[in-house]
Amino acid sequence: MKGIIVQITVLLIITLLTGTVLAQEAPEVVVSVEVDRETITVGDRIVYTVRAEHDKDLVVDFPQLASAWGDFEVLSQRPLQPGTSQGRVITGKEYVITAFTVGEHT
């Protein structure tokens, strides 16, 4: 009888520990995007900035775009200086793009 109680206690502890690990939330990443203008003429430059706010133990990789990106041409790209806000890290990348076709681009 004593052996059964020990086994049940051990199983209960393992279950509680596993439940605690499973109940922890995954780290949250908040991504924001901004452009310096909404309307351009053919060949105008647009600064397209992507930022990620995340926990300090995460690493966010921003893509290195090819020179053609959909309807846009990528003129330059550079990482932003990391910052902090409320104990979280803010990283980002700035892309300078342009378009040589007329119309709406998304």
PDB file of N, CA and C in Angstrom:
ATOM      1  N   MET A   1       0.817  -1.193   0.000  1.00  0.00           N
ATOM      2  CA  MET A   1       0.000   0.000   0.000  1.00  0.00           C
ATOM      3  C   MET A   1       0.863   1.260   0.000  1.00  0.00           C
ATOM      4  N   LYS A   2       1.943   1.219   0.813  1.00  0.00           N
ATOM      5  CA  LYS A   2       2.837   2.361   0.889  1.00  0.00           C
ATOM      6  C   LYS A   2       3.504   2.613  -0.471  1.00  0.00           C
ATOM      7  N   GLY A   3       3.854   1.545  -1.189  1.00  0.00           N
ATOM      8  CA  GLY A   3       4.470   1.664  -2.510  1.00  0.00           C
ATOM      9  C   GLY A   3       3.536   2.302  -3.520  1.00  0.00           C
ATOM     10  N   ILE A   4       2.250   1.992  -3.447  1.00  0.00           N
ATOM     11  CA  ILE A   4       1.261   2.578  -4.359  1.00  0.00           C
ATOM     12  C   ILE A   4       1.129   4.070  -4.098  1.00  0.00           C
ATOM     13  N   ILE A   5       1.132   4.489  -2.841  1.00  0.00           N
ATOM     14  CA  ILE A   5       1.022   5.914  -2.499  1.00  0.00           C
ATOM     15  C   ILE A   5       2.241   6.670  -3.018  1.00  0.00           C
ATOM     16  N   VAL A   6       3.430   6.088  -2.885  1.00  0.00           N
ATOM     17  CA  VAL A   6       4.649   6.718  -3.398  1.00  0.00           C
ATOM     18  C   VAL A   6       4.567   6.850  -4.914  1.00  0.00           C
ATOM     19  N   GLN A   7       4.117   5.817  -5.609  1.00  0.00           N
ATOM     20  CA  GLN A   7       3.994   5.868  -7.067  1.00  0.00           C
ATOM     21  C   GLN A   7       2.993   6.933  -7.492  1.00  0.00           C
ATOM     22  N   ILE A   8       1.868   7.009  -6.806  1.00  0.00           N
ATOM     23  CA  ILE A   8       0.852   8.012  -7.142  1.00  0.00           C
ATOM     24  C   ILE A   8       1.402   9.407  -6.894  1.00  0.00           C
ATOM     25  N   THR A   9       2.128   9.582  -5.791  1.00  0.00           N
ATOM     26  CA  THR A   9       2.718  10.887  -5.483  1.00  0.00           C
ATOM     27  C   THR A   9       3.728  11.290  -6.557  1.00  0.00           C
ATOM     28  N   VAL A  10       4.575  10.367  -6.969  1.00  0.00           N
ATOM     29  CA  VAL A  10       5.560  10.650  -8.017  1.00  0.00           C
ATOM     30  C   VAL A  10       4.861  10.996  -9.328  1.00  0.00           C
ATOM     31  N   LEU A  11       3.848  10.233  -9.699  1.00  0.00           N
ATOM     32  CA  LEU A  11       3.099  10.523 -10.929  1.00  0.00           C
ATOM     33  C   LEU A  11       2.421  11.887 -10.854  1.00  0.00           C
ATOM     34  N   LEU A  12       1.885  12.234  -9.695  1.00  0.00           N
ATOM     35  CA  LEU A  12       1.231  13.528  -9.514  1.00  0.00           C
ATOM     36  C   LEU A  12       2.237  14.664  -9.666  1.00  0.00           C
ATOM     37  N   ILE A  13       3.409  14.508  -9.079  1.00  0.00           N
ATOM     38  CA  ILE A  13       4.450  15.540  -9.200  1.00  0.00           C
ATOM     39  C   ILE A  13       4.886  15.695 -10.652  1.00  0.00           C
ATOM     40  N   ILE A  14       5.099  14.585 -11.346  1.00  0.00           N
ATOM     41  CA  ILE A  14       5.492  14.651 -12.761  1.00  0.00           C
ATOM     42  C   ILE A  14       4.404  15.331 -13.584  1.00  0.00           C
ATOM     43  N   THR A  15       3.158  14.997 -13.330  1.00  0.00           N
ATOM     44  CA  THR A  15       2.043  15.611 -14.051  1.00  0.00           C
ATOM     45  C   THR A  15       1.985  17.106 -13.793  1.00  0.00           C
ATOM     46  N   LEU A  16       2.155  17.517 -12.553  1.00  0.00           N
ATOM     47  CA  LEU A  16       2.123  18.942 -12.225  1.00  0.00           C
ATOM     48  C   LEU A  16       3.273  19.690 -12.884  1.00  0.00           C
ATOM     49  N   LEU A  17       4.468  19.110 -12.860  1.00  0.00           N
ATOM     50  CA  LEU A  17       5.613  19.756 -13.494  1.00  0.00           C
ATOM     51  C   LEU A  17       5.432  19.855 -15.001  1.00  0.00           C
ATOM     52  N   THR A  18       4.942  18.812 -15.620  1.00  0.00           N
ATOM     53  CA  THR A  18       4.685  18.837 -17.060  1.00  0.00           C
ATOM     54  C   THR A  18       3.624  19.867 -17.390  1.00  0.00           C
ATOM     55  N   GLY A  19       2.586  19.933 -16.596  1.00  0.00           N
ATOM     56  CA  GLY A  19       1.528  20.922 -16.814  1.00  0.00           C
ATOM     57  C   GLY A  19       2.046  22.335 -16.690  1.00  0.00           C
ATOM     58  N   THR A  20       2.975  22.571 -15.762  1.00  0.00           N
ATOM     59  CA  THR A  20       3.558  23.898 -15.596  1.00  0.00           C
ATOM     60  C   THR A  20       4.357  24.283 -16.831  1.00  0.00           C
ATOM     61  N   VAL A  21       5.135  23.361 -17.355  1.00  0.00           N
ATOM     62  CA  VAL A  21       5.917  23.641 -18.553  1.00  0.00           C
ATOM     63  C   VAL A  21       4.998  23.904 -19.739  1.00  0.00           C
ATOM     64  N   LEU A  22       3.963  23.106 -19.897  1.00  0.00           N
ATOM     65  CA  LEU A  22       3.048  23.279 -21.022  1.00  0.00           C
ATOM     66  C   LEU A  22       2.224  24.547 -20.894  1.00  0.00           C
ATOM     67  N   ALA A  23       1.973  25.011 -19.677  1.00  0.00           N
ATOM     68  CA  ALA A  23       1.135  26.186 -19.474  1.00  0.00           C
ATOM     69  C   ALA A  23       1.879  27.488 -19.754  1.00  0.00           C
ATOM     70  N   GLN A  24       3.203  27.448 -19.816  1.00  0.00           N
ATOM     71  CA  GLN A  24       3.954  28.663 -20.084  1.00  0.00           C
ATOM     72  C   GLN A  24       3.696  29.113 -21.514  1.00  0.00           C
ATOM     73  N   GLU A  25       3.507  30.416 -21.670  1.00  0.00           N
ATOM     74  CA  GLU A  25       3.214  30.944 -23.000  1.00  0.00           C
ATOM     75  C   GLU A  25       4.498  31.079 -23.814  1.00  0.00           C
ATOM     76  N   ALA A  26       4.350  30.931 -25.101  1.00  0.00           N
ATOM     77  CA  ALA A  26       5.478  31.139 -25.998  1.00  0.00           C
ATOM     78  C   ALA A  26       5.820  32.625 -26.014  1.00  0.00           C
ATOM     79  N   PRO A  27       7.089  32.979 -26.230  1.00  0.00           N
ATOM     80  CA  PRO A  27       7.467  34.388 -26.292  1.00  0.00           C
ATOM     81  C   PRO A  27       6.715  35.096 -27.410  1.00  0.00           C
ATOM     82  N   GLU A  28       6.309  36.306 -27.133  1.00  0.00           N
ATOM     83  CA  GLU A  28       5.527  37.069 -28.095  1.00  0.00           C
ATOM     84  C   GLU A  28       6.434  37.998 -28.887  1.00  0.00           C
ATOM     85  N   VAL A  29       6.203  38.064 -30.176  1.00  0.00           N
ATOM     86  CA  VAL A  29       6.902  38.997 -31.054  1.00  0.00           C
ATOM     87  C   VAL A  29       5.846  39.882 -31.694  1.00  0.00           C
ATOM     88  N   VAL A  30       6.049  41.196 -31.596  1.00  0.00           N
ATOM     89  CA  VAL A  30       5.128  42.150 -32.207  1.00  0.00           C
ATOM     90  C   VAL A  30       5.865  42.811 -33.364  1.00  0.00           C
ATOM     91  N   VAL A  31       5.328  42.665 -34.566  1.00  0.00           N
ATOM     92  CA  VAL A  31       5.960  43.209 -35.769  1.00  0.00           C
ATOM     93  C   VAL A  31       5.162  44.409 -36.252  1.00  0.00           C
ATOM     94  N   SER A  32       5.875  45.484 -36.601  1.00  0.00           N
ATOM     95  CA  SER A  32       5.221  46.663 -37.169  1.00  0.00           C
ATOM     96  C   SER A  32       5.959  47.072 -38.441  1.00  0.00           C
ATOM     97  N   VAL A  33       5.216  47.656 -39.357  1.00  0.00           N
ATOM     98  CA  VAL A  33       5.764  48.084 -40.643  1.00  0.00           C
ATOM     99  C   VAL A  33       5.305  49.506 -40.894  1.00  0.00           C
ATOM    100  N   GLU A  34       6.194  50.327 -41.442  1.00  0.00           N
ATOM    101  CA  GLU A  34       5.799  51.686 -41.813  1.00  0.00           C
ATOM    102  C   GLU A  34       6.507  52.102 -43.094  1.00  0.00           C
ATOM    103  N   VAL A  35       5.866  52.969 -43.829  1.00  0.00           N
ATOM    104  CA  VAL A  35       6.462  53.563 -45.022  1.00  0.00           C
ATOM    105  C   VAL A  35       6.469  55.069 -44.831  1.00  0.00           C
ATOM    106  N   ASP A  36       7.417  55.742 -45.474  1.00  0.00           N
ATOM    107  CA  ASP A  36       7.520  57.185 -45.284  1.00  0.00           C
ATOM    108  C   ASP A  36       6.551  57.976 -46.162  1.00  0.00           C
ATOM    109  N   ARG A  37       5.875  57.305 -47.069  1.00  0.00           N
ATOM    110  CA  ARG A  37       4.866  57.973 -47.904  1.00  0.00           C
ATOM    111  C   ARG A  37       3.909  56.938 -48.474  1.00  0.00           C
ATOM    112  N   GLU A  38       2.716  57.358 -48.798  1.00  0.00           N
ATOM    113  CA  GLU A  38       1.712  56.445 -49.348  1.00  0.00           C
ATOM    114  C   GLU A  38       1.598  56.544 -50.857  1.00  0.00           C
ATOM    115  N   THR A  39       1.978  57.683 -51.415  1.00  0.00           N
ATOM    116  CA  THR A  39       1.853  57.900 -52.853  1.00  0.00           C
ATOM    117  C   THR A  39       3.211  58.306 -53.412  1.00  0.00           C
ATOM    118  N   ILE A  40       3.571  57.712 -54.543  1.00  0.00           N
ATOM    119  CA  ILE A  40       4.825  58.074 -55.200  1.00  0.00           C
ATOM    120  C   ILE A  40       4.586  58.200 -56.697  1.00  0.00           C
ATOM    121  N   THR A  41       5.532  58.823 -57.347  1.00  0.00           N
ATOM    122  CA  THR A  41       5.545  58.800 -58.806  1.00  0.00           C
ATOM    123  C   THR A  41       6.620  57.795 -59.220  1.00  0.00           C
ATOM    124  N   VAL A  42       6.645  57.430 -60.472  1.00  0.00           N
ATOM    125  CA  VAL A  42       7.580  56.422 -60.967  1.00  0.00           C
ATOM    126  C   VAL A  42       9.014  56.821 -60.616  1.00  0.00           C
ATOM    127  N   GLY A  43       9.729  55.896 -59.974  1.00  0.00           N
ATOM    128  CA  GLY A  43      11.127  56.122 -59.637  1.00  0.00           C
ATOM    129  C   GLY A  43      11.376  56.769 -58.285  1.00  0.00           C
ATOM    130  N   ASP A  44      10.333  57.258 -57.599  1.00  0.00           N
ATOM    131  CA  ASP A  44      10.529  57.834 -56.259  1.00  0.00           C
ATOM    132  C   ASP A  44      10.986  56.754 -55.285  1.00  0.00           C
ATOM    133  N   ARG A  45      11.752  57.178 -54.307  1.00  0.00           N
ATOM    134  CA  ARG A  45      12.224  56.247 -53.280  1.00  0.00           C
ATOM    135  C   ARG A  45      11.228  56.182 -52.131  1.00  0.00           C
ATOM    136  N   ILE A  46      11.025  54.973 -51.613  1.00  0.00           N
ATOM    137  CA  ILE A  46      10.174  54.737 -50.445  1.00  0.00           C
ATOM    138  C   ILE A  46      11.060  54.104 -49.375  1.00  0.00           C
ATOM    139  N   VAL A  47      10.980  54.629 -48.161  1.00  0.00           N
ATOM    140  CA  VAL A  47      11.681  53.993 -47.044  1.00  0.00           C
ATOM    141  C   VAL A  47      10.662  53.092 -46.350  1.00  0.00           C
ATOM    142  N   TYR A  48      10.897  51.795 -46.412  1.00  0.00           N
ATOM    143  CA  TYR A  48      10.018  50.759 -45.864  1.00  0.00           C
ATOM    144  C   TYR A  48      10.729  50.177 -44.640  1.00  0.00           C
ATOM    145  N   THR A  49      10.172  50.413 -43.456  1.00  0.00           N
ATOM    146  CA  THR A  49      10.828  50.008 -42.213  1.00  0.00           C
ATOM    147  C   THR A  49      10.032  48.911 -41.519  1.00  0.00           C
ATOM    148  N   VAL A  50      10.726  47.846 -41.135  1.00  0.00           N
ATOM    149  CA  VAL A  50      10.115  46.729 -40.409  1.00  0.00           C
ATOM    150  C   VAL A  50      10.777  46.668 -39.034  1.00  0.00           C
ATOM    151  N   ARG A  51       9.947  46.643 -37.976  1.00  0.00           N
ATOM    152  CA  ARG A  51      10.461  46.547 -36.605  1.00  0.00           C
ATOM    153  C   ARG A  51       9.828  45.353 -35.904  1.00  0.00           C
ATOM    154  N   ALA A  52      10.590  44.741 -35.010  1.00  0.00           N
ATOM    155  CA  ALA A  52      10.081  43.634 -34.190  1.00  0.00           C
ATOM    156  C   ALA A  52      10.398  43.935 -32.731  1.00  0.00           C
ATOM    157  N   GLU A  53       9.364  43.865 -31.894  1.00  0.00           N
ATOM    158  CA  GLU A  53       9.546  44.010 -30.448  1.00  0.00           C
ATOM    159  C   GLU A  53       9.450  42.610 -29.856  1.00  0.00           C
ATOM    160  N   HIS A  54      10.465  42.219 -29.082  1.00  0.00           N
ATOM    161  CA  HIS A  54      10.516  40.833 -28.607  1.00  0.00           C
ATOM    162  C   HIS A  54      11.305  40.733 -27.311  1.00  0.00           C
ATOM    163  N   ASP A  55      11.235  39.561 -26.692  1.00  0.00           N
ATOM    164  CA  ASP A  55      12.010  39.293 -25.488  1.00  0.00           C
ATOM    165  C   ASP A  55      13.493  39.267 -25.832  1.00  0.00           C
ATOM    166  N   LYS A  56      14.328  39.616 -24.848  1.00  0.00           N
ATOM    167  CA  LYS A  56      15.768  39.720 -25.105  1.00  0.00           C
ATOM    168  C   LYS A  56      16.433  38.387 -25.435  1.00  0.00           C
ATOM    169  N   ASP A  57      15.802  37.278 -25.079  1.00  0.00           N
ATOM    170  CA  ASP A  57      16.407  35.973 -25.365  1.00  0.00           C
ATOM    171  C   ASP A  57      16.075  35.451 -26.759  1.00  0.00           C
ATOM    172  N   LEU A  58      15.313  36.211 -27.535  1.00  0.00           N
ATOM    173  CA  LEU A  58      14.986  35.816 -28.909  1.00  0.00           C
ATOM    174  C   LEU A  58      15.869  36.562 -29.899  1.00  0.00           C
ATOM    175  N   VAL A  59      16.124  35.942 -31.028  1.00  0.00           N
ATOM    176  CA  VAL A  59      16.834  36.585 -32.125  1.00  0.00           C
ATOM    177  C   VAL A  59      15.877  36.628 -33.306  1.00  0.00           C
ATOM    178  N   VAL A  60      15.647  37.814 -33.846  1.00  0.00           N
ATOM    179  CA  VAL A  60      14.766  37.974 -35.001  1.00  0.00           C
ATOM    180  C   VAL A  60      15.644  38.258 -36.213  1.00  0.00           C
ATOM    181  N   ASP A  61      15.538  37.416 -37.230  1.00  0.00           N
ATOM    182  CA  ASP A  61      16.296  37.602 -38.465  1.00  0.00           C
ATOM    183  C   ASP A  61      15.406  38.266 -39.503  1.00  0.00           C
ATOM    184  N   PHE A  62      15.897  39.360 -40.067  1.00  0.00           N
ATOM    185  CA  PHE A  62      15.173  40.042 -41.134  1.00  0.00           C
ATOM    186  C   PHE A  62      15.769  39.605 -42.461  1.00  0.00           C
ATOM    187  N   PRO A  63      14.926  39.420 -43.480  1.00  0.00           N
ATOM    188  CA  PRO A  63      15.435  38.879 -44.744  1.00  0.00           C
ATOM    189  C   PRO A  63      16.338  39.854 -45.492  1.00  0.00           C
ATOM    190  N   GLN A  64      17.293  39.287 -46.193  1.00  0.00           N
ATOM    191  CA  GLN A  64      18.107  40.042 -47.136  1.00  0.00           C
ATOM    192  C   GLN A  64      17.397  39.898 -48.478  1.00  0.00           C
ATOM    193  N   LEU A  65      16.791  40.981 -48.949  1.00  0.00           N
ATOM    194  CA  LEU A  65      15.992  40.914 -50.173  1.00  0.00           C
ATOM    195  C   LEU A  65      16.877  40.967 -51.410  1.00  0.00           C
ATOM    196  N   ALA A  66      16.427  40.307 -52.456  1.00  0.00           N
ATOM    197  CA  ALA A  66      17.096  40.388 -53.755  1.00  0.00           C
ATOM    198  C   ALA A  66      16.823  41.773 -54.341  1.00  0.00           C
ATOM    199  N   SER A  67      17.475  42.109 -55.435  1.00  0.00           N
ATOM    200  CA  SER A  67      17.288  43.442 -56.021  1.00  0.00           C
ATOM    201  C   SER A  67      15.876  43.647 -56.566  1.00  0.00           C
ATOM    202  N   ALA A  68      15.191  42.568 -56.926  1.00  0.00           N
ATOM    203  CA  ALA A  68      13.788  42.666 -57.354  1.00  0.00           C
ATOM    204  C   ALA A  68      12.920  42.040 -56.269  1.00  0.00           C
ATOM    205  N   TRP A  69      11.903  42.784 -55.838  1.00  0.00           N
ATOM    206  CA  TRP A  69      10.994  42.325 -54.781  1.00  0.00           C
ATOM    207  C   TRP A  69       9.568  42.600 -55.248  1.00  0.00           C
ATOM    208  N   GLY A  70       8.967  41.630 -55.927  1.00  0.00           N
ATOM    209  CA  GLY A  70       7.643  41.841 -56.512  1.00  0.00           C
ATOM    210  C   GLY A  70       7.706  42.933 -57.561  1.00  0.00           C
ATOM    211  N   ASP A  71       6.822  43.932 -57.437  1.00  0.00           N
ATOM    212  CA  ASP A  71       6.808  45.069 -58.364  1.00  0.00           C
ATOM    213  C   ASP A  71       7.867  46.112 -58.026  1.00  0.00           C
ATOM    214  N   PHE A  72       8.597  45.910 -56.952  1.00  0.00           N
ATOM    215  CA  PHE A  72       9.543  46.915 -56.471  1.00  0.00           C
ATOM    216  C   PHE A  72      10.982  46.521 -56.766  1.00  0.00           C
ATOM    217  N   GLU A  73      11.821  47.544 -56.848  1.00  0.00           N
ATOM    218  CA  GLU A  73      13.257  47.350 -56.944  1.00  0.00           C
ATOM    219  C   GLU A  73      13.848  47.769 -55.600  1.00  0.00           C
ATOM    220  N   VAL A  74      14.690  46.927 -55.032  1.00  0.00           N
ATOM    221  CA  VAL A  74      15.319  47.224 -53.743  1.00  0.00           C
ATOM    222  C   VAL A  74      16.621  47.973 -54.012  1.00  0.00           C
ATOM    223  N   LEU A  75      16.675  49.218 -53.542  1.00  0.00           N
ATOM    224  CA  LEU A  75      17.852  50.052 -53.764  1.00  0.00           C
ATOM    225  C   LEU A  75      18.901  49.865 -52.672  1.00  0.00           C
ATOM    226  N   SER A  76      18.440  49.715 -51.431  1.00  0.00           N
ATOM    227  CA  SER A  76      19.367  49.476 -50.320  1.00  0.00           C
ATOM    228  C   SER A  76      18.606  48.871 -49.148  1.00  0.00           C
ATOM    229  N   GLN A  77      19.352  48.309 -48.226  1.00  0.00           N
ATOM    230  CA  GLN A  77      18.767  47.727 -47.020  1.00  0.00           C
ATOM    231  C   GLN A  77      19.824  47.728 -45.934  1.00  0.00           C
ATOM    232  N   ARG A  78      19.376  48.042 -44.708  1.00  0.00           N
ATOM    233  CA  ARG A  78      20.320  48.084 -43.595  1.00  0.00           C
ATOM    234  C   ARG A  78      19.598  47.776 -42.289  1.00  0.00           C
ATOM    235  N   PRO A  79      20.291  47.110 -41.352  1.00  0.00           N
ATOM    236  CA  PRO A  79      19.677  46.854 -40.046  1.00  0.00           C
ATOM    237  C   PRO A  79      19.598  48.148 -39.242  1.00  0.00           C
ATOM    238  N   LEU A  80      18.588  48.256 -38.395  1.00  0.00           N
ATOM    239  CA  LEU A  80      18.453  49.400 -37.505  1.00  0.00           C
ATOM    240  C   LEU A  80      19.189  49.115 -36.201  1.00  0.00           C
ATOM    241  N   GLN A  81      19.606  50.169 -35.537  1.00  0.00           N
ATOM    242  CA  GLN A  81      20.255  50.029 -34.232  1.00  0.00           C
ATOM    243  C   GLN A  81      19.234  49.482 -33.236  1.00  0.00           C
ATOM    244  N   PRO A  82      19.543  48.397 -32.527  1.00  0.00           N
ATOM    245  CA  PRO A  82      18.586  47.855 -31.554  1.00  0.00           C
ATOM    246  C   PRO A  82      18.310  48.847 -30.425  1.00  0.00           C
ATOM    247  N   GLY A  83      17.095  48.784 -29.897  1.00  0.00           N
ATOM    248  CA  GLY A  83      16.706  49.616 -28.766  1.00  0.00           C
ATOM    249  C   GLY A  83      15.930  48.784 -27.768  1.00  0.00           C
ATOM    250  N   THR A  84      15.456  49.422 -26.709  1.00  0.00           N
ATOM    251  CA  THR A  84      14.648  48.719 -25.714  1.00  0.00           C
ATOM    252  C   THR A  84      13.426  49.546 -25.360  1.00  0.00           C
ATOM    253  N   SER A  85      12.377  48.862 -24.956  1.00  0.00           N
ATOM    254  CA  SER A  85      11.144  49.498 -24.503  1.00  0.00           C
ATOM    255  C   SER A  85      10.485  48.565 -23.501  1.00  0.00           C
ATOM    256  N   GLN A  86      10.316  49.034 -22.285  1.00  0.00           N
ATOM    257  CA  GLN A  86       9.657  48.268 -21.224  1.00  0.00           C
ATOM    258  C   GLN A  86      10.274  46.876 -21.053  1.00  0.00           C
ATOM    259  N   GLY A  87      11.603  46.826 -21.077  1.00  0.00           N
ATOM    260  CA  GLY A  87      12.296  45.564 -20.866  1.00  0.00           C
ATOM    261  C   GLY A  87      12.333  44.636 -22.065  1.00  0.00           C
ATOM    262  N   ARG A  88      11.827  45.097 -23.201  1.00  0.00           N
ATOM    263  CA  ARG A  88      11.840  44.276 -24.418  1.00  0.00           C
ATOM    264  C   ARG A  88      12.774  44.919 -25.431  1.00  0.00           C
ATOM    265  N   VAL A  89      13.285  44.113 -26.335  1.00  0.00           N
ATOM    266  CA  VAL A  89      14.213  44.582 -27.360  1.00  0.00           C
ATOM    267  C   VAL A  89      13.432  44.953 -28.616  1.00  0.00           C
ATOM    268  N   ILE A  90      13.855  46.030 -29.260  1.00  0.00           N
ATOM    269  CA  ILE A  90      13.264  46.422 -30.545  1.00  0.00           C
ATOM    270  C   ILE A  90      14.375  46.374 -31.585  1.00  0.00           C
ATOM    271  N   THR A  91      14.212  45.490 -32.561  1.00  0.00           N
ATOM    272  CA  THR A  91      15.161  45.378 -33.660  1.00  0.00           C
ATOM    273  C   THR A  91      14.420  45.689 -34.955  1.00  0.00           C
ATOM    274  N   GLY A  92      15.167  45.962 -36.011  1.00  0.00           N
ATOM    275  CA  GLY A  92      14.483  46.282 -37.255  1.00  0.00           C
ATOM    276  C   GLY A  92      15.425  46.352 -38.433  1.00  0.00           C
ATOM    277  N   LYS A  93      14.816  46.588 -39.566  1.00  0.00           N
ATOM    278  CA  LYS A  93      15.570  46.731 -40.807  1.00  0.00           C
ATOM    279  C   LYS A  93      14.862  47.756 -41.678  1.00  0.00           C
ATOM    280  N   GLU A  94      15.664  48.552 -42.368  1.00  0.00           N
ATOM    281  CA  GLU A  94      15.132  49.582 -43.260  1.00  0.00           C
ATOM    282  C   GLU A  94      15.473  49.207 -44.699  1.00  0.00           C
ATOM    283  N   TYR A  95      14.457  49.228 -45.538  1.00  0.00           N
ATOM    284  CA  TYR A  95      14.623  48.931 -46.959  1.00  0.00           C
ATOM    285  C   TYR A  95      14.264  50.188 -47.744  1.00  0.00           C
ATOM    286  N   VAL A  96      15.112  50.583 -48.669  1.00  0.00           N
ATOM    287  CA  VAL A  96      14.775  51.676 -49.581  1.00  0.00           C
ATOM    288  C   VAL A  96      14.402  51.017 -50.898  1.00  0.00           C
ATOM    289  N   ILE A  97      13.161  51.263 -51.330  1.00  0.00           N
ATOM    290  CA  ILE A  97      12.630  50.604 -52.528  1.00  0.00           C
ATOM    291  C   ILE A  97      12.063  51.646 -53.479  1.00  0.00           C
ATOM    292  N   THR A  98      11.847  51.236 -54.707  1.00  0.00           N
ATOM    293  CA  THR A  98      11.212  52.094 -55.699  1.00  0.00           C
ATOM    294  C   THR A  98      10.421  51.218 -56.663  1.00  0.00           C
ATOM    295  N   ALA A  99       9.586  51.861 -57.459  1.00  0.00           N
ATOM    296  CA  ALA A  99       8.815  51.141 -58.482  1.00  0.00           C
ATOM    297  C   ALA A  99       8.895  51.921 -59.788  1.00  0.00           C
ATOM    298  N   PHE A 100       8.965  51.192 -60.885  1.00  0.00           N
ATOM    299  CA  PHE A 100       9.026  51.825 -62.197  1.00  0.00           C
ATOM    300  C   PHE A 100       7.807  51.482 -63.043  1.00  0.00           C
ATOM    301  N   THR A 101       6.766  50.962 -62.399  1.00  0.00           N
ATOM    302  CA  THR A 101       5.513  50.682 -63.096  1.00  0.00           C
ATOM    303  C   THR A 101       4.400  51.496 -62.459  1.00  0.00           C
ATOM    304  N   VAL A 102       3.435  51.871 -63.266  1.00  0.00           N
ATOM    305  CA  VAL A 102       2.307  52.676 -62.803  1.00  0.00           C
ATOM    306  C   VAL A 102       1.224  51.754 -62.260  1.00  0.00           C
ATOM    307  N   GLY A 103       0.511  52.197 -61.229  1.00  0.00           N
ATOM    308  CA  GLY A 103      -0.598  51.425 -60.681  1.00  0.00           C
ATOM    309  C   GLY A 103      -0.491  51.286 -59.175  1.00  0.00           C
ATOM    310  N   GLU A 104      -1.402  50.488 -58.621  1.00  0.00           N
ATOM    311  CA  GLU A 104      -1.379  50.228 -57.184  1.00  0.00           C
ATOM    312  C   GLU A 104      -0.490  49.028 -56.910  1.00  0.00           C
ATOM    313  N   HIS A 105       0.345  49.151 -55.900  1.00  0.00           N
ATOM    314  CA  HIS A 105       1.264  48.077 -55.523  1.00  0.00           C
ATOM    315  C   HIS A 105       1.061  47.767 -54.050  1.00  0.00           C
ATOM    316  N   THR A 106       1.012  46.479 -53.725  1.00  0.00           N
ATOM    317  CA  THR A 106       0.865  46.091 -52.315  1.00  0.00           C
ATOM    318  C   THR A 106       1.910  45.074 -51.944  1.00  0.00           C
TER     319      THR A 106
END
